[in-house]
């Protein structure tokens, strides 16, 4: 009975928002976003906490068969759905000591990324910085163990 009431309430909200009756609506949460934006197998999940231990985001790290590493960071908890600044950066250090990076920087409601780089003959490191709704930096994380291929 509760499920039926919930469906009816959702239908009423969608119709009042201008969504035609009978339309297919896709709803996704943090877990489905992670798998929808990176290809390959998950090789790591990084948890990002603010001081006090509150988890504010998780980064899924994936690898394809041709050694491309992909990362996407999904906000968690109270920050999910709030537009705040995020800086997700992936750096590739080659064996000749040169480096390049890719990043996704901006104000995001749900996620930063996906960003992808080849790890062939190199090591990949991931950094994340996040700011709260008031503009203060709340997370500055760096992976100290890279993915080397």
N, C-alpha and C. Protein backbone atom coordinates (compact mmCIF):
# COMPACT_ATOMS: atom_id res chain seq x y z
N UNK A 1 0.82 -1.19 0.00
CA UNK A 1 0.00 0.00 0.00
C UNK A 1 0.87 1.26 0.00
N UNK A 2 1.93 1.28 0.84
CA UNK A 2 2.80 2.45 0.90
C UNK A 2 3.47 2.70 -0.45
N UNK A 3 3.90 1.60 -1.10
CA UNK A 3 4.56 1.74 -2.40
C UNK A 3 3.60 2.37 -3.41
N UNK A 4 2.35 1.96 -3.41
CA UNK A 4 1.35 2.51 -4.34
C UNK A 4 1.14 4.00 -4.07
N UNK A 5 1.05 4.37 -2.80
CA UNK A 5 0.87 5.78 -2.44
C UNK A 5 2.09 6.59 -2.89
N UNK A 6 3.28 6.04 -2.66
CA UNK A 6 4.51 6.74 -3.08
C UNK A 6 4.53 6.94 -4.59
N UNK A 7 4.13 5.92 -5.35
CA UNK A 7 4.09 6.04 -6.81
C UNK A 7 3.09 7.10 -7.24
N UNK A 8 1.92 7.13 -6.61
CA UNK A 8 0.91 8.13 -6.95
C UNK A 8 1.40 9.54 -6.63
N UNK A 9 2.09 9.69 -5.49
CA UNK A 9 2.62 11.00 -5.12
C UNK A 9 3.69 11.44 -6.12
N UNK A 10 4.57 10.52 -6.51
CA UNK A 10 5.61 10.84 -7.48
C UNK A 10 4.98 11.24 -8.81
N UNK A 11 3.97 10.50 -9.24
CA UNK A 11 3.29 10.81 -10.50
C UNK A 11 2.68 12.21 -10.44
N UNK A 12 2.07 12.56 -9.32
CA UNK A 12 1.47 13.89 -9.17
C UNK A 12 2.52 14.99 -9.26
N UNK A 13 3.67 14.76 -8.61
CA UNK A 13 4.75 15.75 -8.65
C UNK A 13 5.27 15.91 -10.07
N UNK A 14 5.47 14.80 -10.78
CA UNK A 14 5.99 14.86 -12.14
C UNK A 14 5.02 15.57 -13.09
N UNK A 15 3.75 15.25 -12.98
CA UNK A 15 2.75 15.91 -13.84
C UNK A 15 2.70 17.40 -13.54
N UNK A 16 2.75 17.78 -12.25
CA UNK A 16 2.72 19.20 -11.91
C UNK A 16 3.98 19.92 -12.38
N UNK A 17 5.08 19.17 -12.57
CA UNK A 17 6.32 19.76 -13.07
C UNK A 17 6.36 19.81 -14.59
N UNK A 18 5.30 19.32 -15.23
CA UNK A 18 5.24 19.40 -16.69
C UNK A 18 5.67 18.15 -17.42
N UNK A 19 5.94 17.07 -16.70
CA UNK A 19 6.31 15.81 -17.34
C UNK A 19 5.02 15.14 -17.78
N UNK A 20 4.90 14.79 -19.08
CA UNK A 20 3.66 14.18 -19.57
C UNK A 20 3.38 12.84 -18.89
N UNK A 21 2.10 12.56 -18.65
CA UNK A 21 1.71 11.27 -18.08
C UNK A 21 2.17 10.16 -19.02
N UNK A 22 2.68 9.09 -18.48
CA UNK A 22 3.14 7.96 -19.28
C UNK A 22 4.58 8.08 -19.74
N UNK A 23 5.24 9.20 -19.47
CA UNK A 23 6.64 9.37 -19.87
C UNK A 23 7.54 8.48 -19.03
N UNK A 24 8.64 8.03 -19.64
CA UNK A 24 9.62 7.25 -18.90
C UNK A 24 10.58 8.20 -18.22
N UNK A 25 10.73 8.05 -16.92
CA UNK A 25 11.60 8.92 -16.14
C UNK A 25 12.71 8.06 -15.56
N UNK A 26 13.95 8.44 -15.82
CA UNK A 26 15.09 7.72 -15.26
C UNK A 26 15.56 8.45 -14.02
N UNK A 27 15.66 7.73 -12.93
CA UNK A 27 16.11 8.30 -11.67
C UNK A 27 17.41 7.61 -11.30
N UNK A 28 18.43 8.40 -11.00
CA UNK A 28 19.70 7.79 -10.62
C UNK A 28 20.21 8.40 -9.33
N UNK A 29 20.89 7.61 -8.57
CA UNK A 29 21.53 8.07 -7.35
C UNK A 29 23.02 7.92 -7.48
N UNK A 30 23.76 8.13 -6.41
CA UNK A 30 25.21 8.09 -6.47
C UNK A 30 25.79 6.81 -7.04
N UNK A 31 25.28 5.64 -6.67
CA UNK A 31 25.87 4.40 -7.14
C UNK A 31 25.70 4.23 -8.64
N UNK A 32 24.54 4.58 -9.19
CA UNK A 32 24.34 4.39 -10.62
C UNK A 32 25.13 5.40 -11.43
N UNK A 33 25.38 6.56 -10.87
CA UNK A 33 26.18 7.56 -11.57
C UNK A 33 27.61 7.06 -11.75
N UNK A 34 28.16 6.43 -10.70
CA UNK A 34 29.53 5.93 -10.77
C UNK A 34 29.72 4.96 -11.93
N UNK A 35 28.85 4.00 -12.06
CA UNK A 35 29.04 2.99 -13.10
C UNK A 35 28.66 3.51 -14.46
N UNK A 36 27.91 4.58 -14.55
CA UNK A 36 27.45 5.09 -15.83
C UNK A 36 28.47 5.98 -16.53
N UNK A 37 29.51 6.42 -15.83
CA UNK A 37 30.40 7.40 -16.43
C UNK A 37 31.80 6.89 -16.73
N UNK A 38 32.20 5.76 -16.18
CA UNK A 38 33.52 5.20 -16.45
C UNK A 38 33.38 3.80 -17.03
N UNK A 39 34.25 3.46 -17.95
CA UNK A 39 34.29 2.12 -18.51
C UNK A 39 35.31 1.29 -17.75
N UNK A 40 35.20 -0.03 -17.83
CA UNK A 40 36.19 -0.91 -17.23
C UNK A 40 35.75 -1.45 -15.90
N UNK A 41 36.71 -2.03 -15.20
CA UNK A 41 36.47 -2.64 -13.90
C UNK A 41 36.90 -1.70 -12.79
N UNK A 42 36.11 -1.68 -11.72
CA UNK A 42 36.47 -0.83 -10.58
C UNK A 42 37.71 -1.42 -9.92
N UNK A 43 38.74 -0.59 -9.74
CA UNK A 43 39.96 -1.04 -9.10
C UNK A 43 40.16 -0.40 -7.73
N UNK A 44 39.40 0.65 -7.44
CA UNK A 44 39.51 1.29 -6.13
C UNK A 44 38.31 2.20 -5.89
N UNK A 45 38.02 2.41 -4.62
CA UNK A 45 37.06 3.42 -4.20
C UNK A 45 37.75 4.26 -3.14
N UNK A 46 37.87 5.55 -3.41
CA UNK A 46 38.50 6.48 -2.47
C UNK A 46 37.40 7.20 -1.69
N UNK A 47 37.54 7.25 -0.38
CA UNK A 47 36.57 7.93 0.47
C UNK A 47 37.17 9.25 0.93
N UNK A 48 36.43 10.33 0.75
CA UNK A 48 36.90 11.66 1.11
C UNK A 48 36.10 12.17 2.30
N UNK A 49 36.83 12.52 3.38
CA UNK A 49 36.18 12.97 4.62
C UNK A 49 36.65 14.37 4.98
N UNK A 50 35.75 15.14 5.52
CA UNK A 50 36.14 16.44 6.08
C UNK A 50 36.61 16.22 7.50
N UNK A 51 37.20 17.24 8.11
CA UNK A 51 37.64 17.09 9.49
C UNK A 51 36.44 16.68 10.33
N UNK A 52 36.65 15.79 11.26
CA UNK A 52 35.55 15.25 12.04
C UNK A 52 35.09 13.91 11.51
N UNK A 53 35.60 13.50 10.35
CA UNK A 53 35.31 12.18 9.82
C UNK A 53 34.06 12.05 8.97
N UNK A 54 33.37 13.14 8.67
CA UNK A 54 32.15 13.07 7.87
C UNK A 54 32.52 12.86 6.41
N UNK A 55 31.97 11.79 5.81
CA UNK A 55 32.22 11.49 4.40
C UNK A 55 31.46 12.49 3.54
N UNK A 56 32.18 13.18 2.63
CA UNK A 56 31.54 14.17 1.76
C UNK A 56 31.54 13.73 0.30
N UNK A 57 32.36 12.71 -0.05
CA UNK A 57 32.41 12.24 -1.43
C UNK A 57 33.14 10.92 -1.51
N UNK A 58 32.88 10.19 -2.59
CA UNK A 58 33.65 8.99 -2.91
C UNK A 58 34.09 9.09 -4.36
N UNK A 59 35.28 8.60 -4.64
CA UNK A 59 35.79 8.57 -6.01
C UNK A 59 35.92 7.12 -6.44
N UNK A 60 35.24 6.77 -7.52
CA UNK A 60 35.38 5.46 -8.12
C UNK A 60 36.51 5.51 -9.13
N UNK A 61 37.43 4.54 -9.06
CA UNK A 61 38.56 4.46 -9.98
C UNK A 61 38.40 3.17 -10.77
N UNK A 62 38.46 3.28 -12.10
CA UNK A 62 38.21 2.16 -13.00
C UNK A 62 39.38 2.01 -13.96
N UNK A 63 39.56 0.78 -14.48
CA UNK A 63 40.60 0.53 -15.47
C UNK A 63 40.04 -0.34 -16.59
N UNK A 64 40.37 0.05 -17.83
CA UNK A 64 39.97 -0.73 -18.99
C UNK A 64 41.07 -1.74 -19.33
N UNK A 65 40.77 -2.65 -20.26
CA UNK A 65 41.73 -3.68 -20.67
C UNK A 65 42.99 -3.07 -21.29
N UNK A 66 42.85 -1.87 -21.91
CA UNK A 66 44.02 -1.23 -22.52
C UNK A 66 44.69 -0.24 -21.56
N UNK A 67 44.47 -0.42 -20.25
CA UNK A 67 45.13 0.33 -19.17
C UNK A 67 44.81 1.82 -19.16
N UNK A 68 43.58 2.16 -19.48
CA UNK A 68 43.12 3.53 -19.29
C UNK A 68 42.46 3.59 -17.91
N UNK A 69 42.87 4.59 -17.13
CA UNK A 69 42.32 4.78 -15.78
C UNK A 69 41.28 5.90 -15.85
N UNK A 70 40.14 5.68 -15.22
CA UNK A 70 39.06 6.65 -15.21
C UNK A 70 38.66 6.90 -13.76
N UNK A 71 38.36 8.15 -13.44
CA UNK A 71 37.92 8.51 -12.08
C UNK A 71 36.70 9.42 -12.16
N UNK A 72 35.77 9.20 -11.24
CA UNK A 72 34.61 10.06 -11.10
C UNK A 72 34.31 10.19 -9.60
N UNK A 73 34.09 11.42 -9.16
CA UNK A 73 33.81 11.68 -7.74
C UNK A 73 32.35 12.05 -7.58
N UNK A 74 31.68 11.35 -6.68
CA UNK A 74 30.26 11.58 -6.40
C UNK A 74 30.13 12.15 -4.99
N UNK A 75 29.43 13.26 -4.88
CA UNK A 75 29.18 13.84 -3.55
C UNK A 75 28.31 12.90 -2.73
N UNK A 76 28.46 12.98 -1.41
CA UNK A 76 27.68 12.16 -0.49
C UNK A 76 27.03 13.05 0.55
N UNK A 77 26.03 12.52 1.21
CA UNK A 77 25.40 13.20 2.34
C UNK A 77 24.77 14.54 1.98
N UNK A 78 24.92 15.50 2.87
CA UNK A 78 24.26 16.80 2.74
C UNK A 78 24.73 17.59 1.52
N UNK A 79 25.94 17.32 1.01
CA UNK A 79 26.44 18.07 -0.15
C UNK A 79 25.85 17.57 -1.47
N UNK A 80 25.31 16.35 -1.49
CA UNK A 80 24.73 15.80 -2.72
C UNK A 80 23.54 16.66 -3.14
N UNK A 81 23.63 17.24 -4.33
CA UNK A 81 22.58 18.11 -4.84
C UNK A 81 22.84 19.59 -4.63
N UNK A 82 23.87 19.94 -3.84
CA UNK A 82 24.23 21.34 -3.63
C UNK A 82 25.34 21.74 -4.60
N UNK A 83 25.21 22.87 -5.22
CA UNK A 83 26.23 23.35 -6.15
C UNK A 83 27.40 23.94 -5.37
N UNK A 84 28.51 23.19 -5.35
CA UNK A 84 29.72 23.65 -4.68
C UNK A 84 30.92 23.37 -5.58
N UNK A 85 32.01 24.07 -5.32
CA UNK A 85 33.22 23.93 -6.13
C UNK A 85 33.92 22.61 -5.85
N UNK A 86 34.33 21.95 -6.93
CA UNK A 86 35.09 20.70 -6.85
C UNK A 86 36.23 20.78 -7.86
N UNK A 87 37.36 20.18 -7.52
CA UNK A 87 38.51 20.11 -8.41
C UNK A 87 39.04 18.67 -8.36
N UNK A 88 38.68 17.88 -9.37
CA UNK A 88 39.16 16.50 -9.49
C UNK A 88 40.28 16.52 -10.52
N UNK A 89 41.45 16.04 -10.13
CA UNK A 89 42.64 16.10 -10.99
C UNK A 89 43.29 14.73 -11.06
N UNK A 90 43.65 14.33 -12.27
CA UNK A 90 44.38 13.09 -12.49
C UNK A 90 45.71 13.45 -13.13
N UNK A 91 46.80 12.99 -12.52
CA UNK A 91 48.13 13.31 -13.03
C UNK A 91 48.83 12.02 -13.46
N UNK A 92 49.44 12.09 -14.63
CA UNK A 92 50.18 10.95 -15.19
C UNK A 92 51.66 11.26 -15.13
N UNK A 93 52.41 10.44 -14.38
CA UNK A 93 53.86 10.57 -14.32
C UNK A 93 54.46 9.44 -15.16
N UNK A 94 55.19 9.83 -16.20
CA UNK A 94 55.82 8.84 -17.08
C UNK A 94 57.17 8.42 -16.51
N UNK A 95 57.67 7.32 -17.03
CA UNK A 95 58.95 6.79 -16.54
C UNK A 95 60.12 7.71 -16.88
N UNK A 96 59.95 8.62 -17.85
CA UNK A 96 61.00 9.59 -18.17
C UNK A 96 60.91 10.84 -17.30
N UNK A 97 60.07 10.79 -16.25
CA UNK A 97 59.85 11.88 -15.29
C UNK A 97 59.03 13.05 -15.82
N UNK A 98 58.48 12.95 -17.01
CA UNK A 98 57.57 14.00 -17.48
C UNK A 98 56.17 13.71 -16.93
N UNK A 99 55.33 14.73 -16.93
CA UNK A 99 53.98 14.53 -16.41
C UNK A 99 52.97 15.37 -17.19
N UNK A 100 51.74 14.91 -17.18
CA UNK A 100 50.61 15.64 -17.74
C UNK A 100 49.44 15.43 -16.79
N UNK A 101 48.42 16.26 -16.94
CA UNK A 101 47.25 16.06 -16.09
C UNK A 101 45.97 16.41 -16.85
N UNK A 102 44.89 15.86 -16.35
CA UNK A 102 43.54 16.18 -16.79
C UNK A 102 42.77 16.57 -15.54
N UNK A 103 41.81 17.47 -15.68
CA UNK A 103 41.03 17.84 -14.50
C UNK A 103 39.61 18.23 -14.89
N UNK A 104 38.75 18.17 -13.91
CA UNK A 104 37.38 18.65 -14.04
C UNK A 104 37.17 19.57 -12.85
N UNK A 105 37.08 20.86 -13.15
CA UNK A 105 36.99 21.88 -12.11
C UNK A 105 35.75 22.73 -12.36
N UNK A 106 35.01 23.00 -11.31
CA UNK A 106 33.84 23.86 -11.44
C UNK A 106 32.91 23.69 -10.26
N UNK A 107 31.73 24.31 -10.38
CA UNK A 107 30.69 24.15 -9.37
C UNK A 107 29.76 23.04 -9.85
N UNK A 108 29.65 22.00 -9.05
CA UNK A 108 28.86 20.83 -9.43
C UNK A 108 27.89 20.48 -8.32
N UNK A 109 26.72 19.96 -8.71
CA UNK A 109 25.72 19.52 -7.73
C UNK A 109 25.94 18.09 -7.28
N UNK A 110 26.39 17.22 -8.21
CA UNK A 110 26.42 15.80 -7.91
C UNK A 110 27.80 15.15 -8.06
N UNK A 111 28.54 15.53 -9.10
CA UNK A 111 29.79 14.83 -9.36
C UNK A 111 30.79 15.69 -10.11
N UNK A 112 32.06 15.31 -9.97
CA UNK A 112 33.14 15.84 -10.81
C UNK A 112 33.70 14.65 -11.58
N UNK A 113 34.00 14.85 -12.83
CA UNK A 113 34.48 13.75 -13.69
C UNK A 113 33.31 13.22 -14.48
N UNK A 114 33.56 12.32 -15.28
CA UNK A 114 34.68 11.38 -15.32
C UNK A 114 35.86 11.97 -16.12
N UNK A 115 37.06 11.64 -15.65
CA UNK A 115 38.28 11.98 -16.39
C UNK A 115 39.07 10.68 -16.60
N UNK A 116 39.73 10.60 -17.76
CA UNK A 116 40.40 9.37 -18.14
C UNK A 116 41.78 9.67 -18.71
N UNK A 117 42.75 8.83 -18.35
CA UNK A 117 44.11 8.93 -18.90
C UNK A 117 44.68 7.53 -19.07
N UNK A 118 45.60 7.39 -20.02
CA UNK A 118 46.31 6.13 -20.19
C UNK A 118 47.36 5.98 -19.10
N UNK A 119 47.43 4.77 -18.53
CA UNK A 119 48.43 4.50 -17.51
C UNK A 119 49.60 3.69 -18.07
N UNK A 120 49.59 3.43 -19.36
CA UNK A 120 50.63 2.62 -19.97
C UNK A 120 52.00 3.26 -19.79
N UNK A 121 52.96 2.53 -19.26
CA UNK A 121 54.33 3.00 -19.01
C UNK A 121 54.36 4.24 -18.10
N UNK A 122 53.43 4.31 -17.18
CA UNK A 122 53.37 5.48 -16.30
C UNK A 122 52.60 5.14 -15.03
N UNK A 123 52.51 6.12 -14.15
CA UNK A 123 51.73 6.00 -12.91
C UNK A 123 50.69 7.12 -12.87
N UNK A 124 49.52 6.79 -12.39
CA UNK A 124 48.42 7.74 -12.30
C UNK A 124 48.14 8.04 -10.82
N UNK A 125 48.01 9.33 -10.50
CA UNK A 125 47.66 9.79 -9.17
C UNK A 125 46.40 10.65 -9.27
N UNK A 126 45.59 10.62 -8.22
CA UNK A 126 44.33 11.37 -8.23
C UNK A 126 44.30 12.32 -7.04
N UNK A 127 43.90 13.56 -7.31
CA UNK A 127 43.75 14.58 -6.26
C UNK A 127 42.31 15.09 -6.29
N UNK A 128 41.80 15.44 -5.13
CA UNK A 128 40.47 16.04 -5.04
C UNK A 128 40.51 17.17 -4.03
N UNK A 129 39.98 18.31 -4.43
CA UNK A 129 39.73 19.43 -3.52
C UNK A 129 38.24 19.75 -3.61
N UNK A 130 37.63 20.02 -2.47
CA UNK A 130 36.21 20.39 -2.42
C UNK A 130 36.02 21.57 -1.48
N UNK A 131 35.04 22.38 -1.80
CA UNK A 131 34.68 23.54 -0.99
C UNK A 131 33.24 23.38 -0.55
N UNK A 132 32.92 23.90 0.60
CA UNK A 132 31.56 23.83 1.12
C UNK A 132 30.68 24.93 0.54
N UNK A 133 29.40 24.93 0.91
CA UNK A 133 28.46 25.94 0.40
C UNK A 133 28.88 27.37 0.71
N UNK A 134 29.59 27.58 1.81
CA UNK A 134 30.04 28.93 2.17
C UNK A 134 31.32 29.35 1.49
N UNK A 135 31.95 28.45 0.73
CA UNK A 135 33.16 28.79 0.00
C UNK A 135 34.46 28.37 0.66
N UNK A 136 34.39 27.80 1.87
CA UNK A 136 35.60 27.36 2.56
C UNK A 136 36.01 25.97 2.06
N UNK A 137 37.31 25.77 1.88
CA UNK A 137 37.79 24.45 1.45
C UNK A 137 37.56 23.45 2.58
N UNK A 138 36.96 22.29 2.24
CA UNK A 138 36.66 21.28 3.25
C UNK A 138 37.42 19.98 3.03
N UNK A 139 37.95 19.75 1.83
CA UNK A 139 38.70 18.53 1.53
C UNK A 139 39.88 18.87 0.64
N UNK A 140 41.04 18.29 0.95
CA UNK A 140 42.22 18.38 0.09
C UNK A 140 42.88 17.00 0.18
N UNK A 141 42.55 16.11 -0.77
CA UNK A 141 43.06 14.74 -0.74
C UNK A 141 43.98 14.46 -1.91
N UNK A 142 44.98 13.62 -1.66
CA UNK A 142 45.94 13.20 -2.69
C UNK A 142 46.18 11.71 -2.51
N UNK A 143 46.16 10.96 -3.61
CA UNK A 143 46.50 9.54 -3.52
C UNK A 143 48.01 9.41 -3.52
N UNK A 144 48.55 8.76 -2.51
CA UNK A 144 50.00 8.58 -2.42
C UNK A 144 50.45 7.28 -3.05
N UNK A 145 49.51 6.40 -3.32
CA UNK A 145 49.82 5.17 -4.04
C UNK A 145 49.21 5.31 -5.43
N UNK A 146 50.07 5.38 -6.44
CA UNK A 146 49.57 5.54 -7.80
C UNK A 146 49.28 4.20 -8.44
N UNK A 147 48.56 4.25 -9.53
CA UNK A 147 48.29 3.06 -10.33
C UNK A 147 49.31 3.04 -11.44
N UNK A 148 50.29 2.14 -11.34
CA UNK A 148 51.42 2.10 -12.29
C UNK A 148 51.28 0.88 -13.20
N UNK A 149 51.51 1.11 -14.49
CA UNK A 149 51.39 0.03 -15.48
C UNK A 149 52.60 0.01 -16.37
